[in-house]
Amino acid sequence: MGPELVGGVNSGLLVYVAFHQEDQAKDLEWIAKKIVGLRIFDDKNDRMNLPIAKEQGILVVSQFTLYGNLKKGYRPSFNKSAQPDVARGSYDGFLQILSREFKGRVESGRFGENMVVDVKEDGPVSIWLDSHDRTY
């Protein structure tokens, strides 16, 4: 038996998400609104100018390793990541907020599990968002 498919979209966004130990509901709200409003899809002039369309989808994958810190060597420290029980609540809350903000399909991987993520990128465009540093 092959791997189980738990979430997927044909067109749209793949969002890797990690939660900081100091994240609050306002951080989750800000990130969700930013994702839905990102103007990174091409318009009729092939210019990145459009947000995600409701006919597309968003696939959310939890990935605490985004908070890996290599300041002191080669082995990453994840001391800024939220503890798993807190992060799980944030993940579930984030999915609810994103589903409310986005009128299309929101899919997700399984929190805290090893997953095979199969991606076919068209672009690609990768954007880093951090609710604790909104200056970029």
N, C-alpha and C. Protein backbone atom coordinates (compact mmCIF):
# COMPACT_ATOMS: atom_id res chain seq x y z
N MET A 1 0.85 -1.18 0.00
CA MET A 1 0.00 0.00 0.00
C MET A 1 0.90 1.24 0.00
N GLY A 2 0.59 2.21 -0.84
CA GLY A 2 1.38 3.43 -0.96
C GLY A 2 1.05 4.43 0.14
N PRO A 3 1.72 5.56 0.09
CA PRO A 3 1.47 6.60 1.10
C PRO A 3 0.04 7.13 1.00
N GLU A 4 -0.49 7.53 2.12
CA GLU A 4 -1.84 8.08 2.19
C GLU A 4 -1.80 9.57 1.85
N LEU A 5 -2.67 9.99 0.94
CA LEU A 5 -2.79 11.40 0.60
C LEU A 5 -3.72 12.05 1.62
N VAL A 6 -3.21 13.05 2.34
CA VAL A 6 -4.03 13.69 3.38
C VAL A 6 -4.44 15.11 3.02
N GLY A 7 -3.80 15.72 2.04
CA GLY A 7 -4.17 17.07 1.61
C GLY A 7 -3.50 17.40 0.31
N GLY A 8 -4.15 18.23 -0.48
CA GLY A 8 -3.54 18.61 -1.73
C GLY A 8 -4.36 19.65 -2.47
N VAL A 9 -3.69 20.39 -3.31
CA VAL A 9 -4.34 21.36 -4.19
C VAL A 9 -3.69 21.25 -5.57
N ASN A 10 -4.46 21.49 -6.61
CA ASN A 10 -3.92 21.44 -7.96
C ASN A 10 -3.24 22.75 -8.34
N SER A 11 -3.76 23.84 -7.85
CA SER A 11 -3.23 25.16 -8.16
C SER A 11 -3.43 26.03 -6.93
N GLY A 12 -2.44 26.86 -6.63
CA GLY A 12 -2.59 27.74 -5.48
C GLY A 12 -1.31 27.93 -4.72
N LEU A 13 -1.40 27.81 -3.40
CA LEU A 13 -0.26 28.09 -2.53
C LEU A 13 0.06 26.90 -1.64
N LEU A 14 1.35 26.68 -1.47
CA LEU A 14 1.85 25.76 -0.45
C LEU A 14 2.42 26.64 0.65
N VAL A 15 1.87 26.52 1.84
CA VAL A 15 2.28 27.35 2.97
C VAL A 15 2.90 26.46 4.04
N TYR A 16 4.21 26.65 4.26
CA TYR A 16 4.87 26.00 5.39
C TYR A 16 4.74 26.96 6.57
N VAL A 17 4.31 26.44 7.70
CA VAL A 17 4.05 27.30 8.85
C VAL A 17 4.72 26.73 10.10
N ALA A 18 5.33 27.65 10.85
CA ALA A 18 5.92 27.32 12.15
C ALA A 18 5.39 28.32 13.17
N PHE A 19 5.40 27.93 14.42
CA PHE A 19 4.86 28.79 15.46
C PHE A 19 5.93 29.11 16.49
N HIS A 20 6.06 30.39 16.77
CA HIS A 20 7.02 30.92 17.73
C HIS A 20 6.44 30.76 19.13
N GLN A 21 7.31 30.62 20.09
CA GLN A 21 6.86 30.45 21.48
C GLN A 21 6.06 31.64 22.01
N GLU A 22 6.20 32.81 21.37
CA GLU A 22 5.48 34.00 21.82
C GLU A 22 4.31 34.37 20.91
N ASP A 23 3.96 33.52 19.95
CA ASP A 23 2.84 33.83 19.05
C ASP A 23 1.55 33.98 19.82
N GLN A 24 0.74 34.92 19.34
CA GLN A 24 -0.58 35.16 19.91
C GLN A 24 -1.59 35.13 18.77
N ALA A 25 -2.87 35.20 19.10
CA ALA A 25 -3.93 35.16 18.09
C ALA A 25 -3.73 36.26 17.04
N LYS A 26 -3.26 37.44 17.46
CA LYS A 26 -3.07 38.53 16.50
C LYS A 26 -2.01 38.18 15.45
N ASP A 27 -1.02 37.37 15.82
CA ASP A 27 0.00 36.94 14.86
C ASP A 27 -0.61 36.01 13.82
N LEU A 28 -1.46 35.09 14.26
CA LEU A 28 -2.10 34.16 13.34
C LEU A 28 -3.02 34.91 12.38
N GLU A 29 -3.76 35.89 12.90
CA GLU A 29 -4.65 36.71 12.07
C GLU A 29 -3.85 37.48 11.02
N TRP A 30 -2.76 38.10 11.44
CA TRP A 30 -1.94 38.90 10.52
C TRP A 30 -1.39 38.04 9.39
N ILE A 31 -0.84 36.89 9.73
CA ILE A 31 -0.26 36.00 8.73
C ILE A 31 -1.34 35.52 7.76
N ALA A 32 -2.49 35.10 8.27
CA ALA A 32 -3.56 34.60 7.39
C ALA A 32 -4.01 35.68 6.41
N LYS A 33 -4.21 36.89 6.90
CA LYS A 33 -4.64 37.98 6.01
C LYS A 33 -3.56 38.31 4.99
N LYS A 34 -2.31 38.27 5.39
CA LYS A 34 -1.20 38.54 4.48
C LYS A 34 -1.16 37.49 3.37
N ILE A 35 -1.30 36.23 3.74
CA ILE A 35 -1.26 35.15 2.75
C ILE A 35 -2.37 35.30 1.73
N VAL A 36 -3.57 35.53 2.19
CA VAL A 36 -4.72 35.65 1.29
C VAL A 36 -4.59 36.90 0.41
N GLY A 37 -3.97 37.94 0.91
CA GLY A 37 -3.84 39.18 0.15
C GLY A 37 -2.61 39.29 -0.73
N LEU A 38 -1.65 38.36 -0.58
CA LEU A 38 -0.42 38.43 -1.38
C LEU A 38 -0.73 38.54 -2.87
N ARG A 39 -0.20 39.53 -3.52
CA ARG A 39 -0.40 39.71 -4.96
C ARG A 39 0.80 39.12 -5.69
N ILE A 40 0.79 37.80 -5.84
CA ILE A 40 1.93 37.11 -6.44
C ILE A 40 1.55 36.28 -7.66
N PHE A 41 0.29 36.34 -8.07
CA PHE A 41 -0.13 35.61 -9.26
C PHE A 41 -0.20 36.57 -10.44
N ASP A 42 0.15 36.04 -11.61
CA ASP A 42 0.23 36.88 -12.81
C ASP A 42 -1.13 37.38 -13.27
N ASP A 43 -1.13 38.65 -13.69
CA ASP A 43 -2.31 39.23 -14.33
C ASP A 43 -2.21 39.00 -15.84
N LYS A 44 -3.09 39.63 -16.63
CA LYS A 44 -3.09 39.41 -18.08
C LYS A 44 -1.83 39.92 -18.76
N ASN A 45 -1.05 40.75 -18.07
CA ASN A 45 0.20 41.28 -18.60
C ASN A 45 1.42 40.52 -18.06
N ASP A 46 1.20 39.34 -17.48
CA ASP A 46 2.26 38.52 -16.88
C ASP A 46 3.03 39.25 -15.79
N ARG A 47 2.34 40.07 -15.06
CA ARG A 47 2.92 40.81 -13.93
C ARG A 47 2.33 40.27 -12.64
N MET A 48 3.17 40.01 -11.65
CA MET A 48 2.66 39.55 -10.35
C MET A 48 1.81 40.67 -9.76
N ASN A 49 0.49 40.46 -9.81
CA ASN A 49 -0.40 41.54 -9.41
C ASN A 49 -1.71 41.04 -8.82
N LEU A 50 -1.93 39.73 -8.82
CA LEU A 50 -3.21 39.19 -8.37
C LEU A 50 -3.06 38.33 -7.12
N PRO A 51 -4.05 38.39 -6.22
CA PRO A 51 -4.04 37.48 -5.07
C PRO A 51 -4.55 36.10 -5.51
N ILE A 52 -4.47 35.17 -4.62
CA ILE A 52 -4.98 33.83 -4.90
C ILE A 52 -6.47 33.90 -5.19
N ALA A 53 -6.91 33.14 -6.19
CA ALA A 53 -8.32 33.11 -6.57
C ALA A 53 -9.06 32.02 -5.79
N LYS A 54 -10.35 32.23 -5.58
CA LYS A 54 -11.14 31.26 -4.82
C LYS A 54 -11.21 29.89 -5.51
N GLU A 55 -10.91 29.85 -6.82
CA GLU A 55 -10.89 28.58 -7.55
C GLU A 55 -9.60 27.78 -7.26
N GLN A 56 -8.64 28.44 -6.67
CA GLN A 56 -7.39 27.77 -6.31
C GLN A 56 -7.52 27.21 -4.89
N GLY A 57 -6.42 26.78 -4.33
CA GLY A 57 -6.45 26.25 -2.97
C GLY A 57 -5.17 26.59 -2.23
N ILE A 58 -5.22 26.40 -0.94
CA ILE A 58 -4.05 26.61 -0.08
C ILE A 58 -3.80 25.30 0.68
N LEU A 59 -2.57 24.81 0.57
CA LEU A 59 -2.15 23.63 1.32
C LEU A 59 -1.21 24.10 2.43
N VAL A 60 -1.56 23.81 3.67
CA VAL A 60 -0.78 24.23 4.84
C VAL A 60 -0.07 23.01 5.43
N VAL A 61 1.25 23.17 5.61
CA VAL A 61 2.07 22.10 6.18
C VAL A 61 2.83 22.66 7.39
N SER A 62 2.68 22.01 8.54
CA SER A 62 3.41 22.46 9.72
C SER A 62 4.88 22.07 9.58
N GLN A 63 5.77 23.00 9.93
CA GLN A 63 7.20 22.73 9.81
C GLN A 63 7.97 23.56 10.85
N PHE A 64 8.08 23.02 12.06
CA PHE A 64 8.74 23.74 13.15
C PHE A 64 10.19 24.08 12.83
N THR A 65 10.80 23.34 11.91
CA THR A 65 12.22 23.57 11.59
C THR A 65 12.46 24.94 10.96
N LEU A 66 11.41 25.63 10.57
CA LEU A 66 11.58 27.00 10.05
C LEU A 66 12.20 27.91 11.11
N TYR A 67 12.02 27.56 12.37
CA TYR A 67 12.62 28.35 13.44
C TYR A 67 14.00 27.82 13.86
N GLY A 68 14.59 26.99 13.02
CA GLY A 68 15.94 26.50 13.31
C GLY A 68 16.94 27.64 13.34
N ASN A 69 17.76 27.70 14.38
CA ASN A 69 18.74 28.76 14.55
C ASN A 69 20.14 28.15 14.49
N LEU A 70 20.98 28.68 13.61
CA LEU A 70 22.35 28.17 13.46
C LEU A 70 23.39 29.15 13.97
N LYS A 71 22.98 30.01 14.88
CA LYS A 71 23.88 31.04 15.40
C LYS A 71 25.13 30.45 16.06
N LYS A 72 25.00 29.30 16.71
CA LYS A 72 26.11 28.73 17.48
C LYS A 72 26.64 27.45 16.87
N GLY A 73 26.82 27.39 15.58
CA GLY A 73 27.42 26.19 15.00
C GLY A 73 26.62 25.63 13.85
N TYR A 74 26.62 24.30 13.75
CA TYR A 74 26.03 23.62 12.60
C TYR A 74 24.79 22.81 12.92
N ARG A 75 24.56 22.56 14.19
CA ARG A 75 23.36 21.82 14.59
C ARG A 75 22.29 22.83 14.98
N PRO A 76 21.16 22.80 14.29
CA PRO A 76 20.14 23.82 14.58
C PRO A 76 19.53 23.69 15.97
N SER A 77 19.24 24.83 16.54
CA SER A 77 18.52 24.91 17.80
C SER A 77 17.10 25.35 17.47
N PHE A 78 16.14 24.76 18.11
CA PHE A 78 14.75 25.11 17.86
C PHE A 78 14.12 25.74 19.11
N ASN A 79 14.93 26.42 19.89
CA ASN A 79 14.47 26.97 21.17
C ASN A 79 13.45 28.09 21.01
N LYS A 80 13.29 28.65 19.81
CA LYS A 80 12.28 29.70 19.60
C LYS A 80 10.94 29.12 19.17
N SER A 81 10.93 27.84 18.79
CA SER A 81 9.69 27.19 18.38
C SER A 81 8.78 26.99 19.58
N ALA A 82 7.49 27.10 19.32
CA ALA A 82 6.51 26.81 20.37
C ALA A 82 6.58 25.34 20.74
N GLN A 83 6.31 25.02 21.98
CA GLN A 83 6.25 23.62 22.42
C GLN A 83 5.14 22.92 21.63
N PRO A 84 5.28 21.62 21.37
CA PRO A 84 4.32 20.92 20.51
C PRO A 84 2.85 21.08 20.89
N ASP A 85 2.53 21.03 22.17
CA ASP A 85 1.12 21.16 22.55
C ASP A 85 0.58 22.56 22.26
N VAL A 86 1.40 23.57 22.46
CA VAL A 86 1.01 24.95 22.15
C VAL A 86 0.94 25.15 20.64
N ALA A 87 1.94 24.63 19.93
CA ALA A 87 1.98 24.77 18.48
C ALA A 87 0.78 24.08 17.83
N ARG A 88 0.37 22.94 18.37
CA ARG A 88 -0.80 22.22 17.83
C ARG A 88 -2.04 23.09 17.90
N GLY A 89 -2.24 23.76 19.03
CA GLY A 89 -3.38 24.67 19.18
C GLY A 89 -3.29 25.83 18.21
N SER A 90 -2.07 26.36 18.02
CA SER A 90 -1.87 27.46 17.08
C SER A 90 -2.13 27.00 15.65
N TYR A 91 -1.69 25.80 15.33
CA TYR A 91 -1.90 25.25 13.98
C TYR A 91 -3.40 25.11 13.68
N ASP A 92 -4.12 24.53 14.61
CA ASP A 92 -5.56 24.37 14.43
C ASP A 92 -6.25 25.73 14.32
N GLY A 93 -5.85 26.67 15.19
CA GLY A 93 -6.41 28.01 15.13
C GLY A 93 -6.10 28.72 13.83
N PHE A 94 -4.86 28.56 13.36
CA PHE A 94 -4.45 29.17 12.10
C PHE A 94 -5.28 28.63 10.94
N LEU A 95 -5.51 27.33 10.91
CA LEU A 95 -6.33 26.73 9.85
C LEU A 95 -7.75 27.28 9.87
N GLN A 96 -8.30 27.48 11.05
CA GLN A 96 -9.64 28.06 11.17
C GLN A 96 -9.67 29.49 10.65
N ILE A 97 -8.69 30.28 11.04
CA ILE A 97 -8.62 31.67 10.60
C ILE A 97 -8.44 31.74 9.09
N LEU A 98 -7.53 30.94 8.55
CA LEU A 98 -7.27 30.93 7.11
C LEU A 98 -8.53 30.51 6.35
N SER A 99 -9.24 29.53 6.84
CA SER A 99 -10.47 29.08 6.20
C SER A 99 -11.53 30.18 6.22
N ARG A 100 -11.53 30.99 7.24
CA ARG A 100 -12.48 32.11 7.32
C ARG A 100 -12.08 33.22 6.35
N GLU A 101 -10.78 33.50 6.24
CA GLU A 101 -10.29 34.59 5.40
C GLU A 101 -10.31 34.26 3.90
N PHE A 102 -10.10 32.99 3.57
CA PHE A 102 -10.00 32.57 2.17
C PHE A 102 -11.26 31.83 1.77
N LYS A 103 -11.87 32.24 0.68
CA LYS A 103 -13.14 31.66 0.24
C LYS A 103 -12.97 30.38 -0.57
N GLY A 104 -11.72 30.00 -0.86
CA GLY A 104 -11.46 28.76 -1.59
C GLY A 104 -11.19 27.62 -0.63
N ARG A 105 -10.60 26.55 -1.16
CA ARG A 105 -10.32 25.34 -0.39
C ARG A 105 -9.03 25.48 0.40
N VAL A 106 -9.07 25.14 1.67
CA VAL A 106 -7.88 25.09 2.52
C VAL A 106 -7.68 23.64 2.93
N GLU A 107 -6.51 23.10 2.57
CA GLU A 107 -6.15 21.72 2.90
C GLU A 107 -4.96 21.77 3.85
N SER A 108 -4.70 20.65 4.52
CA SER A 108 -3.56 20.64 5.43
C SER A 108 -2.93 19.25 5.51
N GLY A 109 -1.67 19.28 5.92
CA GLY A 109 -0.98 18.04 6.25
C GLY A 109 -1.36 17.67 7.68
N ARG A 110 -0.65 16.70 8.23
CA ARG A 110 -0.88 16.29 9.62
C ARG A 110 0.16 16.92 10.51
N PHE A 111 -0.29 17.56 11.53
CA PHE A 111 0.60 18.24 12.46
C PHE A 111 1.54 17.24 13.14
N GLY A 112 2.82 17.59 13.17
CA GLY A 112 3.80 16.83 13.93
C GLY A 112 4.21 15.49 13.34
N GLU A 113 3.81 15.21 12.11
CA GLU A 113 4.18 13.94 11.51
C GLU A 113 5.16 14.15 10.36
N ASN A 114 5.97 13.14 10.11
CA ASN A 114 6.83 13.17 8.92
C ASN A 114 5.94 13.00 7.70
N MET A 115 6.14 13.83 6.71
CA MET A 115 5.31 13.76 5.51
C MET A 115 6.19 13.87 4.28
N VAL A 116 5.71 13.28 3.21
CA VAL A 116 6.31 13.47 1.90
C VAL A 116 5.48 14.55 1.23
N VAL A 117 6.13 15.65 0.89
CA VAL A 117 5.44 16.75 0.24
C VAL A 117 5.90 16.77 -1.21
N ASP A 118 4.96 16.51 -2.12
CA ASP A 118 5.25 16.48 -3.55
C ASP A 118 4.80 17.80 -4.14
N VAL A 119 5.76 18.56 -4.68
CA VAL A 119 5.46 19.91 -5.17
C VAL A 119 5.89 20.04 -6.63
N LYS A 120 5.01 20.59 -7.41
CA LYS A 120 5.36 21.00 -8.77
C LYS A 120 5.17 22.50 -8.80
N GLU A 121 6.28 23.22 -8.79
CA GLU A 121 6.22 24.67 -8.69
C GLU A 121 6.13 25.31 -10.06
N ASP A 122 5.34 26.35 -10.14
CA ASP A 122 5.21 27.15 -11.34
C ASP A 122 5.73 28.53 -10.99
N GLY A 123 6.94 28.77 -11.31
CA GLY A 123 7.57 30.05 -10.94
C GLY A 123 9.03 29.82 -10.63
N PRO A 124 9.40 29.42 -9.50
CA PRO A 124 8.66 29.47 -8.24
C PRO A 124 8.77 30.84 -7.58
N VAL A 125 7.86 31.08 -6.70
CA VAL A 125 7.90 32.29 -5.87
C VAL A 125 7.85 31.82 -4.42
N SER A 126 8.83 32.24 -3.63
CA SER A 126 8.85 31.91 -2.20
C SER A 126 8.91 33.21 -1.42
N ILE A 127 7.99 33.37 -0.49
CA ILE A 127 7.90 34.58 0.32
C ILE A 127 7.99 34.17 1.79
N TRP A 128 8.86 34.86 2.54
CA TRP A 128 9.00 34.62 3.98
C TRP A 128 8.17 35.65 4.72
N LEU A 129 7.28 35.21 5.59
CA LEU A 129 6.49 36.11 6.43
C LEU A 129 6.77 35.78 7.88
N ASP A 130 6.98 36.81 8.69
CA ASP A 130 7.23 36.63 10.11
C ASP A 130 6.44 37.70 10.85
N SER A 131 5.46 37.28 11.62
CA SER A 131 4.61 38.24 12.32
C SER A 131 5.35 39.00 13.41
N HIS A 132 6.56 38.54 13.76
CA HIS A 132 7.36 39.24 14.77
C HIS A 132 8.30 40.25 14.13
N ASP A 133 8.37 40.25 12.80
CA ASP A 133 9.19 41.22 12.07
C ASP A 133 8.41 41.62 10.82
N ARG A 134 7.58 42.62 10.95
CA ARG A 134 6.70 43.05 9.86
C ARG A 134 7.29 44.18 9.04
N THR A 135 8.60 44.38 9.13
CA THR A 135 9.23 45.54 8.49
C THR A 135 9.76 45.27 7.10
N TYR A 136 9.63 44.08 6.58
CA TYR A 136 10.17 43.82 5.25
C TYR A 136 9.09 43.58 4.24
